[in-house]
Amino acid sequence: MKFIIIMVLAKDTVVPYHPHSFSPKGRFAVLNNRHSYFLLVDNGTIGRYGADIILRKRLETYIAQKQKIGGGTRSVPVVCVVLEGGTCTVRAVLDYVTKQVLPVWFFF
């Protein structure tokens, strides 16, 4: 049996997840069952496209720069995978490629 662990970073929030309750024809997506850990980021804004990007970028920066591996000086690497998107995705990619540390590129 495979367990899916979801971390929710919110105050007084319960987020139930039942993978079999989603219809394949519905508008909700099911989490990929090939992964065991998920970090879902949402700032609670409704009806504003791309509103979660600022929160996501801050969380990525915190994880990458503040949490050092084993108390040393190496930081946690962040990988950006883009499959599709709009103007907010282009802005996010621009942020990644203009950082001091250049990202690794993969072409498929």
PDB file of N, CA and C in Angstrom:
ATOM      1  N   MET A   1       0.842  -1.176   0.000  1.00  0.00           N
ATOM      2  CA  MET A   1       0.000   0.000   0.000  1.00  0.00           C
ATOM      3  C   MET A   1       0.886   1.237   0.000  1.00  0.00           C
ATOM      4  N   LYS A   2       0.560   2.203  -0.824  1.00  0.00           N
ATOM      5  CA  LYS A   2       1.324   3.438  -0.931  1.00  0.00           C
ATOM      6  C   LYS A   2       0.564   4.567  -0.250  1.00  0.00           C
ATOM      7  N   PHE A   3       1.272   5.317   0.576  1.00  0.00           N
ATOM      8  CA  PHE A   3       0.669   6.443   1.271  1.00  0.00           C
ATOM      9  C   PHE A   3       1.115   7.743   0.617  1.00  0.00           C
ATOM     10  N   ILE A   4       0.227   8.695   0.539  1.00  0.00           N
ATOM     11  CA  ILE A   4       0.550  10.018   0.030  1.00  0.00           C
ATOM     12  C   ILE A   4       0.542  10.973   1.210  1.00  0.00           C
ATOM     13  N   ILE A   5       1.648  11.669   1.389  1.00  0.00           N
ATOM     14  CA  ILE A   5       1.774  12.620   2.486  1.00  0.00           C
ATOM     15  C   ILE A   5       1.694  14.023   1.910  1.00  0.00           C
ATOM     16  N   ILE A   6       0.827  14.838   2.450  1.00  0.00           N
ATOM     17  CA  ILE A   6       0.670  16.211   1.993  1.00  0.00           C
ATOM     18  C   ILE A   6       0.972  17.138   3.162  1.00  0.00           C
ATOM     19  N   MET A   7       1.866  18.092   2.949  1.00  0.00           N
ATOM     20  CA  MET A   7       2.168  19.090   3.969  1.00  0.00           C
ATOM     21  C   MET A   7       1.306  20.313   3.717  1.00  0.00           C
ATOM     22  N   VAL A   8       0.650  20.786   4.735  1.00  0.00           N
ATOM     23  CA  VAL A   8      -0.149  22.001   4.612  1.00  0.00           C
ATOM     24  C   VAL A   8       0.420  23.018   5.591  1.00  0.00           C
ATOM     25  N   LEU A   9       0.918  24.128   5.052  1.00  0.00           N
ATOM     26  CA  LEU A   9       1.473  25.183   5.889  1.00  0.00           C
ATOM     27  C   LEU A   9       0.446  26.297   5.988  1.00  0.00           C
ATOM     28  N   ALA A  10      -0.437  26.180   6.945  1.00  0.00           N
ATOM     29  CA  ALA A  10      -1.475  27.182   7.123  1.00  0.00           C
ATOM     30  C   ALA A  10      -1.945  27.129   8.566  1.00  0.00           C
ATOM     31  N   LYS A  11      -2.538  28.199   8.990  1.00  0.00           N
ATOM     32  CA  LYS A  11      -3.026  28.262  10.358  1.00  0.00           C
ATOM     33  C   LYS A  11      -4.457  27.742  10.404  1.00  0.00           C
ATOM     34  N   ASP A  12      -4.699  26.794  11.281  1.00  0.00           N
ATOM     35  CA  ASP A  12      -6.034  26.245  11.512  1.00  0.00           C
ATOM     36  C   ASP A  12      -6.711  25.792  10.219  1.00  0.00           C
ATOM     37  N   THR A  13      -5.986  25.067   9.400  1.00  0.00           N
ATOM     38  CA  THR A  13      -6.521  24.630   8.113  1.00  0.00           C
ATOM     39  C   THR A  13      -6.443  23.116   7.996  1.00  0.00           C
ATOM     40  N   VAL A  14      -7.516  22.523   7.557  1.00  0.00           N
ATOM     41  CA  VAL A  14      -7.549  21.096   7.270  1.00  0.00           C
ATOM     42  C   VAL A  14      -7.884  20.939   5.798  1.00  0.00           C
ATOM     43  N   VAL A  15      -7.047  20.202   5.086  1.00  0.00           N
ATOM     44  CA  VAL A  15      -7.262  19.997   3.657  1.00  0.00           C
ATOM     45  C   VAL A  15      -7.420  18.508   3.410  1.00  0.00           C
ATOM     46  N   PRO A  16      -8.653  18.031   3.280  1.00  0.00           N
ATOM     47  CA  PRO A  16      -8.832  16.608   3.001  1.00  0.00           C
ATOM     48  C   PRO A  16      -8.481  16.307   1.552  1.00  0.00           C
ATOM     49  N   TYR A  17      -7.889  15.164   1.326  1.00  0.00           N
ATOM     50  CA  TYR A  17      -7.577  14.738  -0.037  1.00  0.00           C
ATOM     51  C   TYR A  17      -7.992  13.282  -0.189  1.00  0.00           C
ATOM     52  N   HIS A  18      -8.926  13.063  -1.079  1.00  0.00           N
ATOM     53  CA  HIS A  18      -9.403  11.720  -1.383  1.00  0.00           C
ATOM     54  C   HIS A  18      -9.180  11.495  -2.874  1.00  0.00           C
ATOM     55  N   PRO A  19      -8.093  10.778  -3.256  1.00  0.00           N
ATOM     56  CA  PRO A  19      -7.755  10.666  -4.676  1.00  0.00           C
ATOM     57  C   PRO A  19      -8.820   9.992  -5.519  1.00  0.00           C
ATOM     58  N   HIS A  20      -9.661   9.184  -4.913  1.00  0.00           N
ATOM     59  CA  HIS A  20     -10.679   8.478  -5.697  1.00  0.00           C
ATOM     60  C   HIS A  20     -11.987   9.266  -5.805  1.00  0.00           C
ATOM     61  N   SER A  21     -12.040  10.439  -5.173  1.00  0.00           N
ATOM     62  CA  SER A  21     -13.271  11.228  -5.216  1.00  0.00           C
ATOM     63  C   SER A  21     -13.335  12.161  -6.426  1.00  0.00           C
ATOM     64  N   PHE A  22     -12.243  12.247  -7.187  1.00  0.00           N
ATOM     65  CA  PHE A  22     -12.214  13.122  -8.359  1.00  0.00           C
ATOM     66  C   PHE A  22     -12.626  12.357  -9.602  1.00  0.00           C
ATOM     67  N   SER A  23     -13.473  12.953 -10.377  1.00  0.00           N
ATOM     68  CA  SER A  23     -13.910  12.363 -11.636  1.00  0.00           C
ATOM     69  C   SER A  23     -12.905  12.703 -12.730  1.00  0.00           C
ATOM     70  N   PRO A  24     -12.554  11.743 -13.605  1.00  0.00           N
ATOM     71  CA  PRO A  24     -11.624  12.051 -14.684  1.00  0.00           C
ATOM     72  C   PRO A  24     -12.165  13.106 -15.649  1.00  0.00           C
ATOM     73  N   LYS A  25     -13.481  13.308 -15.656  1.00  0.00           N
ATOM     74  CA  LYS A  25     -14.083  14.303 -16.540  1.00  0.00           C
ATOM     75  C   LYS A  25     -14.290  15.642 -15.837  1.00  0.00           C
ATOM     76  N   GLY A  26     -13.971  15.698 -14.554  1.00  0.00           N
ATOM     77  CA  GLY A  26     -14.168  16.927 -13.789  1.00  0.00           C
ATOM     78  C   GLY A  26     -13.059  17.934 -14.038  1.00  0.00           C
ATOM     79  N   ARG A  27     -13.167  19.094 -13.375  1.00  0.00           N
ATOM     80  CA  ARG A  27     -12.178  20.146 -13.569  1.00  0.00           C
ATOM     81  C   ARG A  27     -11.032  20.073 -12.563  1.00  0.00           C
ATOM     82  N   PHE A  28     -11.084  19.130 -11.632  1.00  0.00           N
ATOM     83  CA  PHE A  28     -10.028  18.997 -10.641  1.00  0.00           C
ATOM     84  C   PHE A  28      -9.020  17.947 -11.084  1.00  0.00           C
ATOM     85  N   ALA A  29      -7.763  18.178 -10.745  1.00  0.00           N
ATOM     86  CA  ALA A  29      -6.700  17.247 -11.112  1.00  0.00           C
ATOM     87  C   ALA A  29      -6.374  16.347  -9.928  1.00  0.00           C
ATOM     88  N   VAL A  30      -6.011  15.129 -10.237  1.00  0.00           N
ATOM     89  CA  VAL A  30      -5.595  14.172  -9.222  1.00  0.00           C
ATOM     90  C   VAL A  30      -4.076  14.244  -9.115  1.00  0.00           C
ATOM     91  N   LEU A  31      -3.538  14.142  -7.906  1.00  0.00           N
ATOM     92  CA  LEU A  31      -2.094  14.159  -7.727  1.00  0.00           C
ATOM     93  C   LEU A  31      -1.470  12.918  -8.353  1.00  0.00           C
ATOM     94  N   ASN A  32      -0.277  13.056  -8.877  1.00  0.00           N
ATOM     95  CA  ASN A  32       0.438  11.965  -9.533  1.00  0.00           C
ATOM     96  C   ASN A  32       0.766  10.884  -8.510  1.00  0.00           C
ATOM     97  N   ASN A  33       0.306   9.672  -8.738  1.00  0.00           N
ATOM     98  CA  ASN A  33       0.519   8.595  -7.766  1.00  0.00           C
ATOM     99  C   ASN A  33       1.923   8.005  -7.830  1.00  0.00           C
ATOM    100  N   ARG A  34       2.780   8.515  -8.696  1.00  0.00           N
ATOM    101  CA  ARG A  34       4.168   8.051  -8.760  1.00  0.00           C
ATOM    102  C   ARG A  34       5.064   8.801  -7.767  1.00  0.00           C
ATOM    103  N   HIS A  35       4.505   9.793  -7.095  1.00  0.00           N
ATOM    104  CA  HIS A  35       5.255  10.562  -6.103  1.00  0.00           C
ATOM    105  C   HIS A  35       4.670  10.305  -4.720  1.00  0.00           C
ATOM    106  N   SER A  36       5.496  10.459  -3.701  1.00  0.00           N
ATOM    107  CA  SER A  36       5.022  10.193  -2.349  1.00  0.00           C
ATOM    108  C   SER A  36       4.902  11.453  -1.496  1.00  0.00           C
ATOM    109  N   TYR A  37       5.527  12.558  -1.889  1.00  0.00           N
ATOM    110  CA  TYR A  37       5.465  13.786  -1.108  1.00  0.00           C
ATOM    111  C   TYR A  37       5.047  14.945  -2.008  1.00  0.00           C
ATOM    112  N   PHE A  38       4.183  15.793  -1.495  1.00  0.00           N
ATOM    113  CA  PHE A  38       3.704  16.955  -2.243  1.00  0.00           C
ATOM    114  C   PHE A  38       3.742  18.172  -1.339  1.00  0.00           C
ATOM    115  N   LEU A  39       4.125  19.286  -1.890  1.00  0.00           N
ATOM    116  CA  LEU A  39       4.072  20.549  -1.178  1.00  0.00           C
ATOM    117  C   LEU A  39       3.171  21.456  -1.996  1.00  0.00           C
ATOM    118  N   LEU A  40       1.968  21.692  -1.498  1.00  0.00           N
ATOM    119  CA  LEU A  40       0.974  22.484  -2.215  1.00  0.00           C
ATOM    120  C   LEU A  40       1.013  23.914  -1.690  1.00  0.00           C
ATOM    121  N   VAL A  41       1.108  24.874  -2.592  1.00  0.00           N
ATOM    122  CA  VAL A  41       1.238  26.277  -2.209  1.00  0.00           C
ATOM    123  C   VAL A  41       0.036  27.055  -2.723  1.00  0.00           C
ATOM    124  N   ASP A  42      -0.634  27.747  -1.822  1.00  0.00           N
ATOM    125  CA  ASP A  42      -1.789  28.563  -2.202  1.00  0.00           C
ATOM    126  C   ASP A  42      -1.903  29.689  -1.187  1.00  0.00           C
ATOM    127  N   ASN A  43      -2.054  30.911  -1.656  1.00  0.00           N
ATOM    128  CA  ASN A  43      -2.155  32.034  -0.721  1.00  0.00           C
ATOM    129  C   ASN A  43      -3.597  32.392  -0.379  1.00  0.00           C
ATOM    130  N   GLY A  44      -4.562  31.648  -0.898  1.00  0.00           N
ATOM    131  CA  GLY A  44      -5.958  31.872  -0.570  1.00  0.00           C
ATOM    132  C   GLY A  44      -6.671  32.883  -1.438  1.00  0.00           C
ATOM    133  N   THR A  45      -5.974  33.498  -2.375  1.00  0.00           N
ATOM    134  CA  THR A  45      -6.600  34.472  -3.266  1.00  0.00           C
ATOM    135  C   THR A  45      -7.493  33.753  -4.263  1.00  0.00           C
ATOM    136  N   ILE A  46      -8.681  34.290  -4.477  1.00  0.00           N
ATOM    137  CA  ILE A  46      -9.632  33.672  -5.402  1.00  0.00           C
ATOM    138  C   ILE A  46      -9.871  34.619  -6.570  1.00  0.00           C
ATOM    139  N   GLY A  47      -9.854  34.068  -7.776  1.00  0.00           N
ATOM    140  CA  GLY A  47     -10.214  34.837  -8.956  1.00  0.00           C
ATOM    141  C   GLY A  47      -9.146  35.755  -9.517  1.00  0.00           C
ATOM    142  N   ARG A  48      -7.901  35.612  -9.084  1.00  0.00           N
ATOM    143  CA  ARG A  48      -6.820  36.436  -9.629  1.00  0.00           C
ATOM    144  C   ARG A  48      -5.723  35.527 -10.148  1.00  0.00           C
ATOM    145  N   TYR A  49      -5.555  35.466 -11.447  1.00  0.00           N
ATOM    146  CA  TYR A  49      -4.593  34.576 -12.080  1.00  0.00           C
ATOM    147  C   TYR A  49      -3.165  34.932 -11.662  1.00  0.00           C
ATOM    148  N   GLY A  50      -2.402  33.942 -11.243  1.00  0.00           N
ATOM    149  CA  GLY A  50      -1.004  34.140 -10.886  1.00  0.00           C
ATOM    150  C   GLY A  50      -0.766  34.701  -9.505  1.00  0.00           C
ATOM    151  N   ALA A  51      -1.798  34.803  -8.690  1.00  0.00           N
ATOM    152  CA  ALA A  51      -1.644  35.395  -7.360  1.00  0.00           C
ATOM    153  C   ALA A  51      -0.768  34.545  -6.448  1.00  0.00           C
ATOM    154  N   ASP A  52      -0.701  33.264  -6.692  1.00  0.00           N
ATOM    155  CA  ASP A  52       0.080  32.363  -5.848  1.00  0.00           C
ATOM    156  C   ASP A  52       1.571  32.392  -6.163  1.00  0.00           C
ATOM    157  N   ILE A  53       1.973  33.020  -7.253  1.00  0.00           N
ATOM    158  CA  ILE A  53       3.365  32.966  -7.694  1.00  0.00           C
ATOM    159  C   ILE A  53       4.300  33.650  -6.701  1.00  0.00           C
ATOM    160  N   ILE A  54       3.892  34.774  -6.131  1.00  0.00           N
ATOM    161  CA  ILE A  54       4.742  35.475  -5.168  1.00  0.00           C
ATOM    162  C   ILE A  54       4.998  34.596  -3.949  1.00  0.00           C
ATOM    163  N   LEU A  55       3.945  33.975  -3.422  1.00  0.00           N
ATOM    164  CA  LEU A  55       4.105  33.086  -2.275  1.00  0.00           C
ATOM    165  C   LEU A  55       4.998  31.900  -2.631  1.00  0.00           C
ATOM    166  N   ARG A  56       4.795  31.309  -3.793  1.00  0.00           N
ATOM    167  CA  ARG A  56       5.599  30.154  -4.216  1.00  0.00           C
ATOM    168  C   ARG A  56       7.071  30.536  -4.346  1.00  0.00           C
ATOM    169  N   LYS A  57       7.354  31.688  -4.956  1.00  0.00           N
ATOM    170  CA  LYS A  57       8.743  32.125  -5.116  1.00  0.00           C
ATOM    171  C   LYS A  57       9.401  32.391  -3.761  1.00  0.00           C
ATOM    172  N   ARG A  58       8.658  32.981  -2.827  1.00  0.00           N
ATOM    173  CA  ARG A  58       9.217  33.225  -1.494  1.00  0.00           C
ATOM    174  C   ARG A  58       9.530  31.909  -0.784  1.00  0.00           C
ATOM    175  N   LEU A  59       8.643  30.942  -0.926  1.00  0.00           N
ATOM    176  CA  LEU A  59       8.874  29.636  -0.311  1.00  0.00           C
ATOM    177  C   LEU A  59      10.082  28.947  -0.942  1.00  0.00           C
ATOM    178  N   GLU A  60      10.200  28.996  -2.262  1.00  0.00           N
ATOM    179  CA  GLU A  60      11.359  28.413  -2.944  1.00  0.00           C
ATOM    180  C   GLU A  60      12.654  29.069  -2.477  1.00  0.00           C
ATOM    181  N   THR A  61      12.649  30.383  -2.364  1.00  0.00           N
ATOM    182  CA  THR A  61      13.839  31.104  -1.921  1.00  0.00           C
ATOM    183  C   THR A  61      14.205  30.709  -0.500  1.00  0.00           C
ATOM    184  N   TYR A  62      13.212  30.600   0.365  1.00  0.00           N
ATOM    185  CA  TYR A  62      13.467  30.196   1.746  1.00  0.00           C
ATOM    186  C   TYR A  62      14.079  28.805   1.800  1.00  0.00           C
ATOM    187  N   ILE A  63      13.497  27.879   1.063  1.00  0.00           N
ATOM    188  CA  ILE A  63      14.002  26.503   1.062  1.00  0.00           C
ATOM    189  C   ILE A  63      15.415  26.453   0.492  1.00  0.00           C
ATOM    190  N   ALA A  64      15.666  27.174  -0.590  1.00  0.00           N
ATOM    191  CA  ALA A  64      16.957  27.108  -1.268  1.00  0.00           C
ATOM    192  C   ALA A  64      18.076  27.832  -0.525  1.00  0.00           C
ATOM    193  N   GLN A  65      17.794  28.974   0.078  1.00  0.00           N
ATOM    194  CA  GLN A  65      18.856  29.788   0.654  1.00  0.00           C
ATOM    195  C   GLN A  65      18.989  29.675   2.165  1.00  0.00           C
ATOM    196  N   LYS A  66      17.901  29.507   2.858  1.00  0.00           N
ATOM    197  CA  LYS A  66      17.958  29.529   4.317  1.00  0.00           C
ATOM    198  C   LYS A  66      18.228  28.155   4.928  1.00  0.00           C
ATOM    199  N   GLN A  67      17.795  27.122   4.277  1.00  0.00           N
ATOM    200  CA  GLN A  67      17.966  25.781   4.824  1.00  0.00           C
ATOM    201  C   GLN A  67      19.232  25.161   4.244  1.00  0.00           C
ATOM    202  N   LYS A  68      20.305  25.236   4.954  1.00  0.00           N
ATOM    203  CA  LYS A  68      21.579  24.698   4.490  1.00  0.00           C
ATOM    204  C   LYS A  68      21.650  23.203   4.776  1.00  0.00           C
ATOM    205  N   ILE A  69      22.269  22.466   3.871  1.00  0.00           N
ATOM    206  CA  ILE A  69      22.394  21.017   4.013  1.00  0.00           C
ATOM    207  C   ILE A  69      23.415  20.715   5.102  1.00  0.00           C
ATOM    208  N   GLY A  70      22.993  19.989   6.134  1.00  0.00           N
ATOM    209  CA  GLY A  70      23.888  19.542   7.189  1.00  0.00           C
ATOM    210  C   GLY A  70      24.615  20.658   7.918  1.00  0.00           C
ATOM    211  N   GLY A  71      24.051  21.843   7.974  1.00  0.00           N
ATOM    212  CA  GLY A  71      24.693  22.949   8.670  1.00  0.00           C
ATOM    213  C   GLY A  71      25.876  23.540   7.918  1.00  0.00           C
ATOM    214  N   GLY A  72      26.132  23.077   6.700  1.00  0.00           N
ATOM    215  CA  GLY A  72      27.262  23.570   5.910  1.00  0.00           C
ATOM    216  C   GLY A  72      26.920  24.815   5.126  1.00  0.00           C
ATOM    217  N   THR A  73      27.680  25.028   4.074  1.00  0.00           N
ATOM    218  CA  THR A  73      27.496  26.230   3.265  1.00  0.00           C
ATOM    219  C   THR A  73      26.777  25.959   1.948  1.00  0.00           C
ATOM    220  N   ARG A  74      26.507  24.706   1.648  1.00  0.00           N
ATOM    221  CA  ARG A  74      25.800  24.397   0.400  1.00  0.00           C
ATOM    222  C   ARG A  74      24.306  24.597   0.600  1.00  0.00           C
ATOM    223  N   SER A  75      23.649  25.170  -0.395  1.00  0.00           N
ATOM    224  CA  SER A  75      22.205  25.366  -0.300  1.00  0.00           C
ATOM    225  C   SER A  75      21.470  24.265  -1.058  1.00  0.00           C
ATOM    226  N   VAL A  76      20.192  24.164  -0.805  1.00  0.00           N
ATOM    227  CA  VAL A  76      19.357  23.148  -1.434  1.00  0.00           C
ATOM    228  C   VAL A  76      19.068  23.574  -2.870  1.00  0.00           C
ATOM    229  N   PRO A  77      19.323  22.705  -3.865  1.00  0.00           N
ATOM    230  CA  PRO A  77      19.059  23.094  -5.253  1.00  0.00           C
ATOM    231  C   PRO A  77      17.568  23.168  -5.558  1.00  0.00           C
ATOM    232  N   VAL A  78      17.205  24.085  -6.431  1.00  0.00           N
ATOM    233  CA  VAL A  78      15.824  24.229  -6.885  1.00  0.00           C
ATOM    234  C   VAL A  78      15.806  23.976  -8.382  1.00  0.00           C
ATOM    235  N   VAL A  79      14.888  23.129  -8.824  1.00  0.00           N
ATOM    236  CA  VAL A  79      14.755  22.801 -10.240  1.00  0.00           C
ATOM    237  C   VAL A  79      13.404  23.307 -10.716  1.00  0.00           C
ATOM    238  N   CYS A  80      13.393  24.010 -11.830  1.00  0.00           N
ATOM    239  CA  CYS A  80      12.154  24.506 -12.421  1.00  0.00           C
ATOM    240  C   CYS A  80      11.859  23.699 -13.678  1.00  0.00           C
ATOM    241  N   VAL A  81      10.714  23.064 -13.707  1.00  0.00           N
ATOM    242  CA  VAL A  81      10.273  22.309 -14.879  1.00  0.00           C
ATOM    243  C   VAL A  81       9.046  23.020 -15.431  1.00  0.00           C
ATOM    244  N   VAL A  82       9.104  23.434 -16.682  1.00  0.00           N
ATOM    245  CA  VAL A  82       7.995  24.143 -17.315  1.00  0.00           C
ATOM    246  C   VAL A  82       7.445  23.280 -18.435  1.00  0.00           C
ATOM    247  N   LEU A  83       6.170  22.972 -18.344  1.00  0.00           N
ATOM    248  CA  LEU A  83       5.512  22.202 -19.394  1.00  0.00           C
ATOM    249  C   LEU A  83       4.648  23.084 -20.273  1.00  0.00           C
ATOM    250  N   GLU A  84       3.993  24.045 -19.667  1.00  0.00           N
ATOM    251  CA  GLU A  84       3.170  24.995 -20.400  1.00  0.00           C
ATOM    252  C   GLU A  84       2.851  26.149 -19.464  1.00  0.00           C
ATOM    253  N   GLY A  85       2.254  27.189 -19.983  1.00  0.00           N
ATOM    254  CA  GLY A  85       1.887  28.304 -19.128  1.00  0.00           C
ATOM    255  C   GLY A  85       1.678  29.579 -19.913  1.00  0.00           C
ATOM    256  N   GLY A  86       1.413  30.625 -19.158  1.00  0.00           N
ATOM    257  CA  GLY A  86       1.133  31.920 -19.763  1.00  0.00           C
ATOM    258  C   GLY A  86       2.181  32.942 -19.400  1.00  0.00           C
ATOM    259  N   THR A  87       1.749  34.191 -19.274  1.00  0.00           N
ATOM    260  CA  THR A  87       2.686  35.281 -19.004  1.00  0.00           C
ATOM    261  C   THR A  87       3.352  35.148 -17.636  1.00  0.00           C
ATOM    262  N   CYS A  88       2.642  34.629 -16.663  1.00  0.00           N
ATOM    263  CA  CYS A  88       3.241  34.441 -15.335  1.00  0.00           C
ATOM    264  C   CYS A  88       4.342  33.385 -15.380  1.00  0.00           C
ATOM    265  N   THR A  89       4.182  32.384 -16.230  1.00  0.00           N
ATOM    266  CA  THR A  89       5.214  31.361 -16.388  1.00  0.00           C
ATOM    267  C   THR A  89       6.461  31.961 -17.023  1.00  0.00           C
ATOM    268  N   VAL A  90       6.272  32.817 -18.012  1.00  0.00           N
ATOM    269  CA  VAL A  90       7.411  33.477 -18.661  1.00  0.00           C
ATOM    270  C   VAL A  90       8.160  34.336 -17.646  1.00  0.00           C
ATOM    271  N   ARG A  91       7.434  35.045 -16.798  1.00  0.00           N
ATOM    272  CA  ARG A  91       8.074  35.862 -15.756  1.00  0.00           C
ATOM    273  C   ARG A  91       8.851  34.989 -14.772  1.00  0.00           C
ATOM    274  N   ALA A  92       8.279  33.844 -14.400  1.00  0.00           N
ATOM    275  CA  ALA A  92       8.965  32.937 -13.475  1.00  0.00           C
ATOM    276  C   ALA A  92      10.255  32.408 -14.095  1.00  0.00           C
ATOM    277  N   VAL A  93      10.209  32.019 -15.366  1.00  0.00           N
ATOM    278  CA  VAL A  93      11.412  31.531 -16.050  1.00  0.00           C
ATOM    279  C   VAL A  93      12.454  32.638 -16.132  1.00  0.00           C
ATOM    280  N   LEU A  94      12.031  33.863 -16.414  1.00  0.00           N
ATOM    281  CA  LEU A  94      12.958  34.996 -16.459  1.00  0.00           C
ATOM    282  C   LEU A  94      13.639  35.189 -15.108  1.00  0.00           C
ATOM    283  N   ASP A  95      12.890  35.041 -14.030  1.00  0.00           N
ATOM    284  CA  ASP A  95      13.482  35.139 -12.693  1.00  0.00           C
ATOM    285  C   ASP A  95      14.538  34.065 -12.480  1.00  0.00           C
ATOM    286  N   TYR A  96      14.264  32.853 -12.932  1.00  0.00           N
ATOM    287  CA  TYR A  96      15.216  31.754 -12.754  1.00  0.00           C
ATOM    288  C   TYR A  96      16.499  31.986 -13.550  1.00  0.00           C
ATOM    289  N   VAL A  97      16.381  32.410 -14.796  1.00  0.00           N
ATOM    290  CA  VAL A  97      17.574  32.523 -15.648  1.00  0.00           C
ATOM    291  C   VAL A  97      18.380  33.789 -15.390  1.00  0.00           C
ATOM    292  N   THR A  98      17.837  34.755 -14.650  1.00  0.00           N
ATOM    293  CA  THR A  98      18.591  35.972 -14.350  1.00  0.00           C
ATOM    294  C   THR A  98      19.198  35.962 -12.956  1.00  0.00           C
ATOM    295  N   LYS A  99      19.094  34.852 -12.238  1.00  0.00           N
ATOM    296  CA  LYS A  99      19.723  34.737 -10.925  1.00  0.00           C
ATOM    297  C   LYS A  99      21.231  34.592 -11.089  1.00  0.00           C
ATOM    298  N   GLN A 100      21.958  34.798  -9.998  1.00  0.00           N
ATOM    299  CA  GLN A 100      23.413  34.665 -10.043  1.00  0.00           C
ATOM    300  C   GLN A 100      23.836  33.240 -10.383  1.00  0.00           C
ATOM    301  N   VAL A 101      23.153  32.268  -9.830  1.00  0.00           N
ATOM    302  CA  VAL A 101      23.470  30.873 -10.121  1.00  0.00           C
ATOM    303  C   VAL A 101      22.678  30.469 -11.350  1.00  0.00           C
ATOM    304  N   LEU A 102      23.368  30.126 -12.409  1.00  0.00           N
ATOM    305  CA  LEU A 102      22.688  29.765 -13.645  1.00  0.00           C
ATOM    306  C   LEU A 102      22.048  28.391 -13.529  1.00  0.00           C
ATOM    307  N   PRO A 103      20.846  28.232 -14.052  1.00  0.00           N
ATOM    308  CA  PRO A 103      20.173  26.932 -13.981  1.00  0.00           C
ATOM    309  C   PRO A 103      20.739  25.956 -15.003  1.00  0.00           C
ATOM    310  N   VAL A 104      20.482  24.690 -14.762  1.00  0.00           N
ATOM    311  CA  VAL A 104      20.851  23.639 -15.707  1.00  0.00           C
ATOM    312  C   VAL A 104      19.702  23.487 -16.686  1.00  0.00           C
ATOM    313  N   TRP A 105      19.998  23.409 -17.971  1.00  0.00           N
ATOM    314  CA  TRP A 105      18.972  23.301 -19.009  1.00  0.00           C
ATOM    315  C   TRP A 105      18.899  21.879 -19.520  1.00  0.00           C
ATOM    316  N   PHE A 106      17.692  21.380 -19.698  1.00  0.00           N
ATOM    317  CA  PHE A 106      17.452  20.073 -20.303  1.00  0.00           C
ATOM    318  C   PHE A 106      16.543  20.277 -21.497  1.00  0.00           C
ATOM    319  N   PHE A 107      16.876  19.680 -22.609  1.00  0.00           N
ATOM    320  CA  PHE A 107      16.038  19.769 -23.805  1.00  0.00           C
ATOM    321  C   PHE A 107      15.566  18.376 -24.163  1.00  0.00           C
ATOM    322  N   PHE A 108      14.268  18.226 -24.385  1.00  0.00           N
ATOM    323  CA  PHE A 108      13.704  16.924 -24.751  1.00  0.00           C
ATOM    324  C   PHE A 108      13.123  16.993 -26.132  1.00  0.00           C
TER     325      PHE A 108
END
